[in-house]
Amino acid sequence: MASRFPNILIAPLNWGLGHATRCMPLISALLHRGVQPILASDGAALALLREEYPNLTILELPAYDIKYRGNNMVLTMGAQLPKIAGAILAERRAIKKIVLDHQIDIIISDNRYGVFHPSCHSIFMTHQLNIKIPNSLLEKLVARINHQLIRRFDACWVPDYEQAPRLAGTLSNDPGLPIVRYTGPLSRMKKLPLPSEYKLAVVLSGPEPQRTNLENILLKQLTDYPQKVCFVRGLVNDHPPPVIRNKNISILNYLTATQLNQVLNASEIVVCRSGYSSLMDLVKLNKQAILIPTPGQTEQEYLADYLSKMGGFVSATQKGFNLKNSLANLDKAVPKIWPEENSLANIFNDLLT
């Protein structure tokens, strides 16, 4: 490297908040070593990073601006491929300037395919080495394209266990890419010895309008819920809170990592999407959860089904969701304790020496 403390750029995708939150352990590990990374993203992810790291240099990247409507991920994403391709090209142009202006040595891109540079050690981070598509021929085509794009990077970090059973199941199985390295699950959460304060912690995330749709479904079913609930809407910017008469429910737009960590530790059950970053947090805290995949998101549907069979989680669909039935099913679920495995320290030792 050019110096003892190289200039490192970390750039998470703005797709919900999960990509940004799972980069936080990377940021913390670097700060602990005296390295101040430069951060870059767009939209809500950018706002979150600015909220959490006001003293770091944070840059704005071109937005993918993916709209998720309907219940068919393939059609939704397929219709937006030209826009996504354009965003990746815009990223490439932006990264050239950022690398030059900030003398970047290392790039860590969380699912941003255009964030790499030939003069840098470029790392791609993803848990989806294998993308689920409900069509075998199309799945093979997407896999081939995905692997070709990943090969443009110098390394691929996978936030999952090196050995099976993996938290992401078959999604994170190495298809034979020589640049793959498993970091272990990455969570910003820490176990705290707190007494139980909430029966439920509802943590919403993900693209609109489905985030709002699920919020409305849950608030309606919580109208007469007799126990304490902390309802986190997952909105970084100012939004007026919904009106609800149940005084047992505390509604918050957003919590910092520290605040959310306290709420989750003080809650018995979590209700959330089955996004991979949320799952890593739940496993870190050994929490049982009701998982409600974003409709049509095949990755979340697969993860919810896979983990409900592994134990400790219950999978439920958004359409026809019934909180009472899901809680009853969760009572019957046998919790699974996942191992604590984190290879991040060794990976950074190799990267920074």
Protein backbone atom coordinates (compact mmCIF):
# COMPACT_ATOMS: atom_id res chain seq x y z
CA MET A 1 0.00 0.00 0.00
CA ALA A 2 1.05 3.61 -0.55
CA SER A 3 1.06 4.34 3.19
CA ARG A 4 0.51 2.73 6.57
CA PHE A 5 -3.02 4.12 6.54
CA PRO A 6 -4.39 3.76 3.01
CA ASN A 7 -7.32 5.81 1.79
CA ILE A 8 -10.32 3.50 1.77
CA LEU A 9 -13.67 4.15 0.10
CA ILE A 10 -16.73 2.20 1.34
CA ALA A 11 -19.78 2.46 -0.93
CA PRO A 12 -23.00 0.62 -0.04
CA LEU A 13 -25.97 0.26 -2.38
CA ASN A 14 -29.06 2.28 -1.50
CA TRP A 15 -31.64 -0.53 -1.41
CA GLY A 16 -33.37 -0.13 1.91
CA LEU A 17 -30.86 0.47 4.70
CA GLY A 18 -29.40 -3.02 4.97
CA HIS A 19 -26.37 -2.53 2.76
CA ALA A 20 -25.38 0.58 4.70
CA THR A 21 -25.91 -1.04 8.11
CA ARG A 22 -23.85 -4.11 7.32
CA CYS A 23 -20.98 -1.85 6.26
CA MET A 24 -20.93 -0.38 9.77
CA PRO A 25 -18.84 -3.23 11.26
CA LEU A 26 -16.30 -2.56 8.49
CA ILE A 27 -16.27 1.15 9.29
CA SER A 28 -15.94 0.47 13.03
CA ALA A 29 -13.08 -1.98 12.49
CA LEU A 30 -11.20 0.56 10.39
CA LEU A 31 -11.79 3.41 12.84
CA HIS A 32 -10.49 1.14 15.62
CA ARG A 33 -7.28 0.75 13.62
CA GLY A 34 -6.90 4.49 13.13
CA VAL A 35 -8.11 4.46 9.53
CA GLN A 36 -10.82 6.97 8.62
CA PRO A 37 -12.64 5.62 5.56
CA ILE A 38 -14.42 7.79 3.04
CA LEU A 39 -18.07 6.80 2.59
CA ALA A 40 -20.28 7.13 -0.46
CA SER A 41 -23.87 6.27 -1.34
CA ASP A 42 -27.15 7.97 -2.25
CA GLY A 43 -30.68 8.45 -0.95
CA ALA A 44 -31.69 6.99 2.42
CA ALA A 45 -28.42 5.06 2.77
CA LEU A 46 -26.48 8.29 2.33
CA ALA A 47 -28.66 10.03 4.93
CA LEU A 48 -28.08 7.17 7.37
CA LEU A 49 -24.30 7.32 6.93
CA ARG A 50 -24.31 11.07 7.48
CA GLU A 51 -26.37 10.60 10.64
CA GLU A 52 -24.10 7.89 12.04
CA TYR A 53 -20.72 9.31 10.97
CA PRO A 54 -20.86 13.12 11.00
CA ASN A 55 -17.06 13.40 11.29
CA LEU A 56 -16.22 11.31 8.22
CA THR A 57 -16.00 12.45 4.60
CA ILE A 58 -19.22 11.28 2.94
CA LEU A 59 -19.84 11.63 -0.80
CA GLU A 60 -22.92 11.27 -2.96
CA LEU A 61 -22.99 8.72 -5.77
CA PRO A 62 -25.44 8.53 -8.70
CA ALA A 63 -28.72 6.90 -7.67
CA TYR A 64 -29.96 3.63 -9.11
CA ASP A 65 -33.45 4.96 -8.28
CA ILE A 66 -35.02 1.50 -8.41
CA LYS A 67 -38.79 1.55 -7.94
CA TYR A 68 -40.33 -1.62 -6.58
CA ARG A 69 -43.99 -1.91 -7.52
CA GLY A 70 -46.13 -4.99 -7.87
CA ASN A 71 -45.31 -8.50 -6.73
CA ASN A 72 -43.02 -9.73 -9.48
CA MET A 73 -39.33 -8.98 -8.97
CA VAL A 74 -38.27 -10.31 -12.38
CA LEU A 75 -40.66 -8.04 -14.30
CA THR A 76 -40.00 -5.07 -12.02
CA MET A 77 -36.23 -5.31 -12.30
CA GLY A 78 -36.29 -6.29 -15.97
CA ALA A 79 -38.22 -3.16 -16.88
CA GLN A 80 -35.62 -1.02 -15.10
CA LEU A 81 -32.47 -2.65 -16.53
CA PRO A 82 -31.70 0.29 -18.85
CA LYS A 83 -31.93 2.68 -15.89
CA ILE A 84 -29.73 0.41 -13.75
CA ALA A 85 -27.16 0.09 -16.53
CA GLY A 86 -27.12 3.85 -16.86
CA ALA A 87 -26.58 4.24 -13.12
CA ILE A 88 -23.64 1.81 -13.21
CA LEU A 89 -22.03 3.83 -16.02
CA ALA A 90 -22.60 7.02 -14.02
CA GLU A 91 -20.97 5.33 -11.03
CA ARG A 92 -17.94 4.49 -13.12
CA ARG A 93 -17.53 8.15 -14.09
CA ALA A 94 -18.06 9.32 -10.50
CA ILE A 95 -15.54 6.81 -9.12
CA LYS A 96 -12.83 7.97 -11.53
CA LYS A 97 -13.14 11.48 -10.13
CA ILE A 98 -13.39 10.32 -6.48
CA VAL A 99 -10.29 8.13 -6.80
CA LEU A 100 -8.35 11.04 -8.29
CA ASP A 101 -9.63 13.72 -5.89
CA HIS A 102 -9.22 11.63 -2.71
CA GLN A 103 -6.27 9.44 -3.75
CA ILE A 104 -8.17 6.24 -2.99
CA ASP A 105 -6.10 3.06 -2.49
CA ILE A 106 -8.82 0.55 -1.61
CA ILE A 107 -12.49 0.37 -2.61
CA ILE A 108 -15.10 -1.72 -0.79
CA SER A 109 -18.29 -1.79 -2.83
CA ASP A 110 -21.38 -3.33 -1.27
CA ASN A 111 -23.38 -4.47 -4.29
CA ARG A 112 -22.55 -1.43 -6.40
CA TYR A 113 -21.27 -3.03 -9.61
CA GLY A 114 -19.80 0.17 -11.04
CA VAL A 115 -17.73 1.08 -7.99
CA PHE A 116 -14.26 -0.22 -8.87
CA HIS A 117 -11.10 1.23 -10.36
CA PRO A 118 -8.05 -0.36 -12.01
CA SER A 119 -5.60 1.64 -9.89
CA CYS A 120 -7.23 0.51 -6.61
CA HIS A 121 -7.61 -2.79 -4.81
CA SER A 122 -11.34 -3.14 -5.51
CA ILE A 123 -13.49 -5.38 -3.30
CA PHE A 124 -17.08 -6.38 -4.02
CA MET A 125 -19.23 -7.42 -1.05
CA THR A 126 -22.34 -9.51 -1.49
CA HIS A 127 -24.18 -12.46 0.07
CA GLN A 128 -25.82 -13.26 -3.27
CA LEU A 129 -23.25 -15.18 -5.24
CA ASN A 130 -26.25 -17.09 -6.56
CA ILE A 131 -29.37 -15.05 -7.34
CA LYS A 132 -32.74 -16.77 -7.07
CA ILE A 133 -34.95 -16.44 -10.17
CA PRO A 134 -38.21 -18.42 -10.57
CA ASN A 135 -37.07 -19.68 -13.99
CA SER A 136 -34.14 -22.08 -14.30
CA LEU A 137 -32.91 -20.83 -17.70
CA LEU A 138 -33.14 -17.20 -16.67
CA GLU A 139 -31.47 -18.00 -13.35
CA LYS A 140 -28.47 -19.50 -15.18
CA LEU A 141 -28.22 -16.43 -17.43
CA VAL A 142 -28.40 -14.04 -14.47
CA ALA A 143 -25.80 -16.11 -12.59
CA ARG A 144 -23.40 -15.94 -15.53
CA ILE A 145 -23.79 -12.15 -15.81
CA ASN A 146 -23.48 -11.71 -12.04
CA HIS A 147 -20.26 -13.73 -11.87
CA GLN A 148 -18.77 -11.87 -14.84
CA LEU A 149 -19.46 -8.54 -13.14
CA ILE A 150 -17.95 -9.75 -9.85
CA ARG A 151 -14.79 -10.94 -11.64
CA ARG A 152 -14.02 -7.31 -12.53
CA PHE A 153 -13.10 -6.83 -8.86
CA ASP A 154 -9.90 -7.99 -7.17
CA ALA A 155 -11.75 -9.69 -4.29
CA CYS A 156 -15.26 -10.69 -3.28
CA TRP A 157 -16.19 -10.63 0.40
CA VAL A 158 -19.17 -12.71 1.47
CA PRO A 159 -20.69 -11.84 4.88
CA ASP A 160 -21.53 -15.41 5.84
CA TYR A 161 -20.07 -18.50 7.46
CA GLU A 162 -17.28 -20.22 5.56
CA GLN A 163 -18.72 -23.66 6.26
CA ALA A 164 -22.29 -24.91 5.80
CA PRO A 165 -24.92 -24.52 7.06
CA ARG A 166 -24.65 -20.93 5.98
CA LEU A 167 -26.99 -18.19 7.09
CA ALA A 168 -27.81 -17.31 3.48
CA GLY A 169 -28.20 -20.95 2.46
CA THR A 170 -27.42 -21.61 -1.18
CA LEU A 171 -27.35 -17.89 -1.99
CA SER A 172 -23.81 -17.59 -0.64
CA ASN A 173 -22.37 -20.89 -1.87
CA ASP A 174 -19.16 -20.25 -3.79
CA PRO A 175 -19.78 -21.04 -7.49
CA GLY A 176 -16.04 -21.41 -8.05
CA LEU A 177 -14.88 -17.81 -8.05
CA PRO A 178 -11.22 -17.76 -6.93
CA ILE A 179 -11.58 -14.28 -5.39
CA VAL A 180 -14.24 -15.25 -2.80
CA ARG A 181 -13.50 -14.87 0.90
CA TYR A 182 -16.01 -15.33 3.73
CA THR A 183 -15.99 -12.68 6.47
CA GLY A 184 -18.51 -14.34 8.76
CA PRO A 185 -21.88 -12.58 9.33
CA LEU A 186 -21.53 -8.81 9.77
CA SER A 187 -23.75 -7.14 12.35
CA ARG A 188 -23.54 -3.77 14.05
CA MET A 189 -25.48 -5.22 17.01
CA LYS A 190 -24.07 -6.26 20.40
CA LYS A 191 -25.66 -8.36 23.12
CA LEU A 192 -26.63 -6.32 26.17
CA PRO A 193 -27.86 -7.62 29.55
CA LEU A 194 -31.10 -5.62 29.48
CA PRO A 195 -34.44 -6.59 31.07
CA SER A 196 -37.37 -7.23 28.74
CA GLU A 197 -39.23 -3.97 28.03
CA TYR A 198 -41.15 -4.78 24.83
CA LYS A 199 -43.05 -7.86 23.78
CA LEU A 200 -42.58 -6.90 20.12
CA ALA A 201 -40.09 -4.80 18.22
CA VAL A 202 -41.35 -4.02 14.72
CA VAL A 203 -38.52 -2.90 12.44
CA LEU A 204 -39.52 -1.89 8.93
CA SER A 205 -37.21 -1.42 5.96
CA GLY A 206 -36.99 -1.84 2.22
CA PRO A 207 -38.34 -0.12 -0.88
CA GLU A 208 -41.59 1.75 -1.22
CA PRO A 209 -44.50 1.35 -1.58
CA GLN A 210 -44.23 -2.07 0.08
CA ARG A 211 -42.72 -0.63 3.26
CA THR A 212 -45.80 1.58 3.71
CA ASN A 213 -48.14 -1.28 2.79
CA LEU A 214 -46.69 -3.48 5.54
CA GLU A 215 -46.75 -0.58 8.03
CA ASN A 216 -50.48 -0.13 7.45
CA ILE A 217 -51.17 -3.85 7.82
CA LEU A 218 -49.25 -4.11 11.08
CA LEU A 219 -50.64 -0.94 12.67
CA LYS A 220 -54.17 -2.09 11.95
CA GLN A 221 -53.55 -5.44 13.65
CA LEU A 222 -51.82 -3.78 16.60
CA THR A 223 -54.76 -1.46 17.32
CA ASP A 224 -55.84 -3.46 20.38
CA TYR A 225 -52.59 -5.27 21.14
CA PRO A 226 -52.34 -5.46 24.95
CA GLN A 227 -48.55 -5.59 25.37
CA LYS A 228 -45.79 -3.05 24.77
CA VAL A 229 -44.51 -2.59 21.22
CA CYS A 230 -41.67 -0.49 19.80
CA PHE A 231 -42.55 0.29 16.18
CA VAL A 232 -39.58 1.54 14.11
CA ARG A 233 -40.71 2.77 10.70
CA GLY A 234 -37.28 2.82 9.04
CA LEU A 235 -37.56 6.37 7.70
CA VAL A 236 -34.42 8.48 8.03
CA ASN A 237 -35.92 11.82 6.95
CA ASP A 238 -38.72 13.67 8.76
CA HIS A 239 -42.14 12.11 8.27
CA PRO A 240 -45.28 12.78 10.33
CA PRO A 241 -46.06 9.76 12.55
CA PRO A 242 -49.28 7.87 11.94
CA VAL A 243 -52.09 8.39 14.44
CA ILE A 244 -52.80 5.35 16.61
CA ARG A 245 -54.85 5.18 19.80
CA ASN A 246 -53.07 2.25 21.40
CA LYS A 247 -50.84 3.75 24.12
CA ASN A 248 -48.86 0.50 24.33
CA ILE A 249 -47.22 1.28 21.00
CA SER A 250 -44.23 3.61 20.71
CA ILE A 251 -43.83 4.75 17.10
CA LEU A 252 -40.45 6.03 15.93
CA ASN A 253 -39.29 6.97 12.44
CA TYR A 254 -35.68 6.00 12.94
CA LEU A 255 -33.21 4.84 15.56
CA THR A 256 -29.44 5.15 15.53
CA ALA A 257 -27.46 1.93 15.65
CA THR A 258 -26.96 2.33 19.40
CA GLN A 259 -30.66 3.00 20.05
CA LEU A 260 -31.82 0.12 17.86
CA ASN A 261 -29.36 -2.18 19.58
CA GLN A 262 -30.92 -1.32 22.94
CA VAL A 263 -34.48 -1.79 21.68
CA LEU A 264 -33.76 -5.18 20.11
CA ASN A 265 -31.98 -6.40 23.23
CA ALA A 266 -34.96 -5.28 25.33
CA SER A 267 -37.53 -7.01 23.09
CA GLU A 268 -38.75 -10.60 23.22
CA ILE A 269 -39.82 -10.95 19.58
CA VAL A 270 -38.90 -9.05 16.40
CA VAL A 271 -41.17 -8.51 13.40
CA CYS A 272 -39.27 -7.51 10.27
CA ARG A 273 -38.48 -8.16 6.62
CA SER A 274 -36.24 -11.10 5.82
CA GLY A 275 -33.52 -8.88 4.41
CA TYR A 276 -30.12 -10.43 4.96
CA SER A 277 -28.73 -7.61 7.10
CA SER A 278 -31.70 -7.87 9.46
CA LEU A 279 -31.13 -11.62 9.71
CA MET A 280 -27.48 -11.13 10.64
CA ASP A 281 -28.58 -8.77 13.42
CA LEU A 282 -31.15 -11.26 14.73
CA VAL A 283 -28.66 -14.12 14.77
CA LYS A 284 -26.09 -11.96 16.57
CA LEU A 285 -28.65 -11.25 19.32
CA ASN A 286 -30.20 -14.75 19.34
CA LYS A 287 -33.65 -13.26 18.76
CA GLN A 288 -36.75 -15.07 17.55
CA ALA A 289 -38.58 -13.30 14.77
CA ILE A 290 -41.54 -13.23 12.44
CA LEU A 291 -40.15 -12.72 8.94
CA ILE A 292 -42.33 -11.05 6.30
CA PRO A 293 -40.60 -10.98 2.90
CA THR A 294 -41.14 -8.07 0.55
CA PRO A 295 -43.71 -9.47 -1.93
CA GLY A 296 -42.05 -10.82 -5.05
CA GLN A 297 -38.48 -10.45 -3.75
CA THR A 298 -37.28 -13.98 -4.38
CA GLU A 299 -34.19 -13.56 -2.19
CA GLN A 300 -36.23 -12.56 0.86
CA GLU A 301 -38.83 -15.25 0.19
CA TYR A 302 -36.09 -17.88 -0.02
CA LEU A 303 -34.35 -16.69 3.15
CA ALA A 304 -37.58 -16.56 5.16
CA ASP A 305 -38.52 -20.09 4.10
CA TYR A 306 -35.01 -21.46 4.58
CA LEU A 307 -34.55 -19.98 8.05
CA SER A 308 -38.03 -20.92 9.25
CA LYS A 309 -37.01 -24.53 8.58
CA MET A 310 -33.70 -24.05 10.39
CA GLY A 311 -35.54 -22.98 13.55
CA GLY A 312 -36.20 -19.88 15.63
CA PHE A 313 -38.03 -17.98 12.89
CA VAL A 314 -41.50 -18.02 11.38
CA SER A 315 -42.12 -17.02 7.77
CA ALA A 316 -45.34 -15.19 6.88
CA THR A 317 -46.59 -13.55 3.70
CA GLN A 318 -47.59 -9.91 3.63
CA LYS A 319 -50.84 -10.67 1.87
CA GLY A 320 -53.23 -12.14 4.40
CA PHE A 321 -50.77 -11.60 7.26
CA ASN A 322 -52.19 -12.53 10.66
CA LEU A 323 -50.15 -11.43 13.67
CA LYS A 324 -51.99 -13.67 16.11
CA ASN A 325 -51.40 -16.80 14.02
CA SER A 326 -47.73 -15.92 13.44
CA LEU A 327 -47.13 -15.47 17.17
CA ALA A 328 -48.77 -18.83 17.84
CA ASN A 329 -46.53 -20.49 15.25
CA LEU A 330 -43.48 -18.84 16.75
CA ASP A 331 -44.33 -20.32 20.16
CA LYS A 332 -43.89 -23.77 18.59
CA ALA A 333 -40.60 -22.95 16.86
CA VAL A 334 -37.40 -24.40 18.34
CA PRO A 335 -34.66 -21.74 18.47
CA LYS A 336 -31.39 -22.42 16.66
CA ILE A 337 -28.17 -21.01 18.10
CA TRP A 338 -25.83 -19.99 15.29
CA PRO A 339 -22.09 -19.92 15.95
CA GLU A 340 -20.22 -16.67 16.49
CA GLU A 341 -17.77 -16.44 13.62
CA ASN A 342 -16.05 -13.32 12.37
CA SER A 343 -12.96 -13.38 10.18
CA LEU A 344 -12.93 -9.61 9.71
CA ALA A 345 -9.88 -9.03 11.91
CA ASN A 346 -7.77 -11.47 9.89
CA ILE A 347 -9.06 -10.06 6.61
CA PHE A 348 -8.14 -6.50 7.59
CA ASN A 349 -4.75 -7.69 8.84
CA ASP A 350 -4.08 -9.04 5.34
CA LEU A 351 -5.56 -5.98 3.63
CA LEU A 352 -3.69 -3.31 5.59
CA THR A 353 -0.24 -4.92 5.78
